Amino acid sequence: MRLGIPLALAAVVLLGCRPSPHPSPEPPTPPLERVTRVLDGDTVDLGAERIRLKGINAPEKGECGADKATEALAALVAEGVRVDRRGTGDRGRTLGYLYGADGTAIHTALARPGLVLAYPYGDNDDQAAALAEAEQAARVEHLGLFDPHACGPTLAVSALIEISELVQNPPGDDLADGAGEYVAISGPAGTALSGWVIKDTSAGNRFSFPAGTVLPEGGALRIYTGCGAAAPDRLFWCRKGAGVWNNTGDTAFLLDPSGNLVDERATTR
């Protein structure tokens, strides 16, 4: 009886243990596409296709910071972009992440200097952590929108005004008269709030305090999403059909009349 493995078989066994000389190819890289129009700080056109950058929200046209965000986005896409498409959003727009010709992740490149807010647009995905980190760095360094004087001189009273409550998912109807969802602003009684603004994370929902609004005795003013009769300690957004604040979590932002970010309050489920 022979012992051992024939040389030919041994060679086959040994060769079988070696790494393949032809490793699996890398996934294909999306081709560069040309941006034909930059609409604002988070939306571009690629020919007939409109792309809404996922994960961020830029200031609306006419708002403080809108021009800077738009200019920055235009510079980042000037040499073409690679698109990571992530489905369809509102108004039929494609949701996606854009990468510059040099590989720059455009969403984080806009968030790092505080030109945009991180906005998950419905879900937290594989880019959410990087965006949150970029935004937090901008906050710590008071860059862009997080600069207290980004939009003009800060009012002395701003340091005393805060969002003291955000009730985004009360029991029952979100739009109930005086019992639904609300956001509360607190500060010294008598403080004038005319021209101040409350907005949500999407920035599509915003409430401008009417002329003559002041903080009442006790220093707390609630703004209910539904309709009702205004009183010194309560105002009504009078939204129809649906609430403002997402039940799964949202952030309320308080802006002074110049557009400076004075305070914010986040909630979760």
Protein backbone atom coordinates (compact mmCIF):
# COMPACT_ATOMS: atom_id res chain seq x y z
CA MET A 1 0.00 0.00 0.00
CA ARG A 2 1.31 3.41 -0.92
CA LEU A 3 1.24 6.20 1.59
CA GLY A 4 1.01 9.91 0.74
CA ILE A 5 -0.61 11.84 -2.08
CA PRO A 6 0.61 11.49 -5.66
CA LEU A 7 2.66 14.52 -6.73
CA ALA A 8 0.19 15.56 -9.39
CA LEU A 9 -2.71 15.47 -6.94
CA ALA A 10 -0.65 17.32 -4.32
CA ALA A 11 0.05 20.07 -6.81
CA VAL A 12 -3.66 20.41 -7.52
CA VAL A 13 -4.44 20.57 -3.80
CA LEU A 14 -1.75 23.20 -3.19
CA LEU A 15 -2.83 25.32 -6.12
CA GLY A 16 -6.38 25.14 -4.89
CA CYS A 17 -5.30 26.80 -1.62
CA ARG A 18 -3.74 29.79 -3.33
CA PRO A 19 -5.62 33.06 -3.83
CA SER A 20 -7.31 33.33 -7.18
CA PRO A 21 -5.12 35.15 -9.71
CA HIS A 22 -8.32 36.85 -10.96
CA PRO A 23 -10.07 38.54 -8.00
CA SER A 24 -13.69 39.61 -8.32
CA PRO A 25 -14.02 42.96 -10.07
CA GLU A 26 -15.03 46.08 -8.12
CA PRO A 27 -18.61 47.24 -8.60
CA PRO A 28 -18.88 49.56 -11.60
CA THR A 29 -18.52 53.27 -10.91
CA PRO A 30 -21.47 55.38 -12.04
CA PRO A 31 -20.59 57.52 -15.04
CA LEU A 32 -20.09 61.25 -14.70
CA GLU A 33 -23.23 63.21 -15.49
CA ARG A 34 -23.48 66.89 -16.31
CA VAL A 35 -25.55 69.19 -14.13
CA THR A 36 -27.53 71.50 -16.38
CA ARG A 37 -29.01 73.73 -13.67
CA VAL A 38 -28.54 74.41 -9.97
CA LEU A 39 -31.88 75.49 -8.53
CA ASP A 40 -30.83 76.08 -4.94
CA GLY A 41 -28.57 74.62 -2.27
CA ASP A 42 -30.06 71.12 -2.40
CA THR A 43 -31.63 70.67 -5.85
CA VAL A 44 -30.14 70.31 -9.33
CA ASP A 45 -31.27 69.33 -12.80
CA LEU A 46 -29.56 66.72 -14.95
CA GLY A 47 -31.30 67.46 -18.19
CA ALA A 48 -34.96 66.52 -17.67
CA GLU A 49 -34.29 64.79 -14.35
CA ARG A 50 -34.54 66.82 -11.16
CA ILE A 51 -32.39 65.58 -8.27
CA ARG A 52 -33.21 66.47 -4.67
CA LEU A 53 -30.05 65.85 -2.64
CA LYS A 54 -30.90 63.35 0.04
CA GLY A 55 -29.86 63.88 3.64
CA ILE A 56 -29.70 67.68 3.65
CA ASN A 57 -31.93 70.74 3.62
CA ALA A 58 -30.67 74.11 2.41
CA PRO A 59 -32.21 77.50 3.25
CA GLU A 60 -35.10 78.45 0.98
CA LYS A 61 -34.67 81.14 -1.68
CA GLY A 62 -34.69 84.56 -0.09
CA GLU A 63 -33.62 83.25 3.30
CA CYS A 64 -30.35 83.97 5.00
CA GLY A 65 -27.72 81.52 3.75
CA ALA A 66 -29.58 80.48 0.60
CA ASP A 67 -27.20 82.20 -1.83
CA LYS A 68 -24.09 80.79 -0.14
CA ALA A 69 -25.44 77.24 -0.23
CA THR A 70 -26.43 77.58 -3.88
CA GLU A 71 -23.03 78.98 -4.87
CA ALA A 72 -21.22 76.23 -2.98
CA LEU A 73 -23.30 73.51 -4.65
CA ALA A 74 -22.70 75.02 -8.08
CA ALA A 75 -18.94 74.93 -7.52
CA LEU A 76 -19.01 71.32 -6.28
CA VAL A 77 -20.93 70.03 -9.32
CA ALA A 78 -19.14 72.10 -11.95
CA GLU A 79 -16.99 69.22 -13.26
CA GLY A 80 -19.85 66.73 -13.33
CA VAL A 81 -21.32 64.37 -10.77
CA ARG A 82 -21.82 60.71 -10.07
CA VAL A 83 -25.32 60.00 -8.79
CA ASP A 84 -26.33 57.44 -6.18
CA ARG A 85 -30.09 57.37 -6.78
CA ARG A 86 -32.22 56.51 -3.74
CA GLY A 87 -35.79 56.51 -5.00
CA THR A 88 -38.36 59.22 -5.62
CA GLY A 89 -39.41 62.03 -3.32
CA ASP A 90 -42.15 64.62 -3.42
CA ARG A 91 -43.14 66.29 -6.69
CA GLY A 92 -41.60 63.41 -8.61
CA ARG A 93 -38.03 64.44 -7.86
CA THR A 94 -35.29 61.82 -7.71
CA LEU A 95 -33.71 61.49 -4.27
CA GLY A 96 -30.00 60.87 -4.43
CA TYR A 97 -26.52 61.51 -3.20
CA LEU A 98 -24.12 63.34 -5.50
CA TYR A 99 -20.37 62.80 -5.70
CA GLY A 100 -18.04 65.20 -7.45
CA ALA A 101 -15.65 64.24 -10.22
CA ASP A 102 -12.91 63.89 -7.59
CA GLY A 103 -15.08 61.66 -5.39
CA THR A 104 -16.17 64.37 -2.94
CA ALA A 105 -19.40 63.50 -1.13
CA ILE A 106 -21.29 66.68 -1.90
CA HIS A 107 -23.86 66.30 0.89
CA THR A 108 -21.20 66.23 3.62
CA ALA A 109 -19.15 68.91 1.85
CA LEU A 110 -22.14 71.23 2.24
CA ALA A 111 -22.90 70.19 5.82
CA ARG A 112 -19.35 70.54 7.16
CA PRO A 113 -19.21 74.37 6.80
CA GLY A 114 -22.77 74.69 8.11
CA LEU A 115 -24.33 75.69 4.79
CA VAL A 116 -27.17 73.15 5.13
CA LEU A 117 -28.96 71.19 7.82
CA ALA A 118 -28.83 67.41 8.00
CA TYR A 119 -32.28 66.16 7.02
CA PRO A 120 -32.95 62.41 6.62
CA TYR A 121 -35.86 62.94 4.22
CA GLY A 122 -37.88 60.09 5.67
CA ASP A 123 -35.23 57.68 6.92
CA ASN A 124 -31.76 57.39 8.36
CA ASP A 125 -29.59 55.45 5.92
CA ASP A 126 -25.91 54.64 5.47
CA GLN A 127 -25.02 58.33 5.03
CA ALA A 128 -26.80 59.60 8.16
CA ALA A 129 -23.86 59.16 10.55
CA ALA A 130 -21.41 61.02 8.30
CA LEU A 131 -23.89 63.86 7.86
CA ALA A 132 -24.58 64.09 11.58
CA GLU A 133 -20.85 64.21 12.28
CA ALA A 134 -20.31 66.95 9.69
CA GLU A 135 -23.17 69.03 11.06
CA GLN A 136 -22.02 68.60 14.64
CA ALA A 137 -18.55 69.85 13.73
CA ALA A 138 -20.12 72.94 12.15
CA ARG A 139 -22.18 73.51 15.29
CA VAL A 140 -19.15 73.24 17.58
CA GLU A 141 -17.19 75.69 15.44
CA HIS A 142 -20.19 78.02 14.93
CA LEU A 143 -19.91 77.88 11.16
CA GLY A 144 -22.43 78.97 8.57
CA LEU A 145 -26.00 78.74 9.83
CA PHE A 146 -24.69 78.00 13.33
CA ASP A 147 -22.89 81.34 13.58
CA PRO A 148 -25.05 83.42 15.97
CA HIS A 149 -24.43 86.46 13.74
CA ALA A 150 -24.72 84.69 10.39
CA CYS A 151 -27.68 86.75 9.23
CA GLY A 152 -27.05 90.06 10.95
CA PRO A 153 -26.64 91.52 14.43
CA THR A 154 -28.03 89.34 17.18
CA LEU A 155 -30.65 90.88 19.44
CA ALA A 156 -29.59 91.20 23.07
CA VAL A 157 -32.76 89.45 24.17
CA SER A 158 -32.04 86.40 21.98
CA ALA A 159 -29.92 84.83 24.71
CA LEU A 160 -33.02 84.75 26.93
CA ILE A 161 -35.48 83.26 24.43
CA GLU A 162 -35.84 79.51 24.01
CA ILE A 163 -38.05 76.75 22.67
CA SER A 164 -39.18 75.28 25.96
CA GLU A 165 -41.49 72.52 24.64
CA LEU A 166 -42.22 70.60 21.48
CA VAL A 167 -45.18 68.24 21.75
CA GLN A 168 -45.26 66.45 18.41
CA ASN A 169 -47.51 63.49 19.19
CA PRO A 170 -50.18 64.32 21.77
CA PRO A 171 -53.00 61.89 22.60
CA GLY A 172 -55.83 62.19 20.10
CA ASP A 173 -56.03 64.57 17.16
CA ASP A 174 -52.85 66.49 16.32
CA LEU A 175 -55.00 69.40 15.12
CA ALA A 176 -57.42 69.53 18.05
CA ASP A 177 -58.36 73.05 19.14
CA GLY A 178 -56.07 73.86 22.06
CA ALA A 179 -55.25 70.21 22.74
CA GLY A 180 -53.22 69.08 19.75
CA GLU A 181 -49.52 69.33 18.95
CA TYR A 182 -47.74 72.57 19.80
CA VAL A 183 -44.42 74.29 20.27
CA ALA A 184 -43.82 76.66 23.19
CA ILE A 185 -41.56 79.72 23.29
CA SER A 186 -40.36 81.04 26.63
CA GLY A 187 -38.52 84.15 27.81
CA PRO A 188 -38.98 87.43 29.63
CA ALA A 189 -42.60 88.61 29.70
CA GLY A 190 -43.24 91.49 27.32
CA THR A 191 -40.54 90.47 24.83
CA ALA A 192 -41.65 91.40 21.30
CA LEU A 193 -41.69 88.47 18.87
CA SER A 194 -43.02 90.22 15.76
CA GLY A 195 -41.15 88.89 12.71
CA TRP A 196 -39.68 85.88 14.51
CA VAL A 197 -40.15 82.50 12.81
CA ILE A 198 -40.66 78.90 13.87
CA LYS A 199 -39.87 76.23 11.27
CA ASP A 200 -39.53 72.45 11.15
CA THR A 201 -36.69 70.26 9.90
CA SER A 202 -38.00 70.23 6.36
CA ALA A 203 -38.24 74.05 6.40
CA GLY A 204 -41.38 73.59 4.32
CA ASN A 205 -43.47 74.40 7.38
CA ARG A 206 -42.94 77.78 8.99
CA PHE A 207 -44.87 80.09 11.27
CA SER A 208 -44.20 83.85 11.36
CA PHE A 209 -45.24 85.58 14.55
CA PRO A 210 -47.76 88.29 13.67
CA ALA A 211 -47.22 91.96 14.38
CA GLY A 212 -47.83 92.84 18.01
CA THR A 213 -46.92 89.39 19.40
CA VAL A 214 -45.28 89.56 22.83
CA LEU A 215 -44.49 86.96 25.45
CA PRO A 216 -47.30 87.01 28.03
CA GLU A 217 -47.18 87.20 31.80
CA GLY A 218 -45.47 84.00 32.89
CA GLY A 219 -43.23 84.21 29.82
CA ALA A 220 -44.53 81.20 27.85
CA LEU A 221 -46.39 81.26 24.55
CA ARG A 222 -47.77 78.13 22.84
CA ILE A 223 -48.23 77.88 19.09
CA TYR A 224 -50.78 75.17 18.31
CA THR A 225 -50.75 73.56 14.88
CA GLY A 226 -54.55 73.48 14.56
CA CYS A 227 -57.08 76.31 14.46
CA GLY A 228 -58.54 78.16 17.41
CA ALA A 229 -59.10 81.51 19.07
CA ALA A 230 -55.86 83.34 19.82
CA ALA A 231 -55.18 84.44 23.39
CA PRO A 232 -52.24 86.16 25.09
CA ASP A 233 -50.65 82.79 25.91
CA ARG A 234 -51.52 80.91 22.70
CA LEU A 235 -51.48 81.33 18.94
CA PHE A 236 -52.75 79.01 16.22
CA TRP A 237 -50.97 77.92 13.04
CA CYS A 238 -54.35 76.81 11.63
CA ARG A 239 -52.96 74.01 9.52
CA LYS A 240 -55.46 71.82 7.67
CA GLY A 241 -55.32 68.10 6.97
CA ALA A 242 -52.07 67.14 8.71
CA GLY A 243 -49.82 68.23 11.54
CA VAL A 244 -46.48 69.96 11.25
CA TRP A 245 -44.33 67.92 13.60
CA ASN A 246 -43.41 64.35 12.65
CA ASN A 247 -44.63 61.86 15.25
CA THR A 248 -41.43 59.83 14.86
CA GLY A 249 -39.27 62.82 15.77
CA ASP A 250 -38.63 66.33 14.52
CA THR A 251 -36.74 69.52 15.28
CA ALA A 252 -38.18 72.99 15.80
CA PHE A 253 -35.98 75.95 14.90
CA LEU A 254 -36.49 79.49 16.20
CA LEU A 255 -35.21 82.34 14.02
CA ASP A 256 -35.00 86.03 14.90
CA PRO A 257 -36.25 88.68 12.44
CA SER A 258 -32.86 88.70 10.67
CA GLY A 259 -32.93 84.91 10.22
CA ASN A 260 -30.33 84.04 12.85
CA LEU A 261 -30.83 80.66 14.51
CA VAL A 262 -31.66 81.47 18.13
CA ASP A 263 -32.67 78.08 19.47
CA GLU A 264 -33.75 74.59 18.45
CA ARG A 265 -35.43 71.68 20.14
CA ALA A 266 -35.46 68.09 18.92
CA THR A 267 -37.79 65.26 19.81
CA THR A 268 -37.79 61.54 19.12
CA ARG A 269 -40.55 58.96 19.10
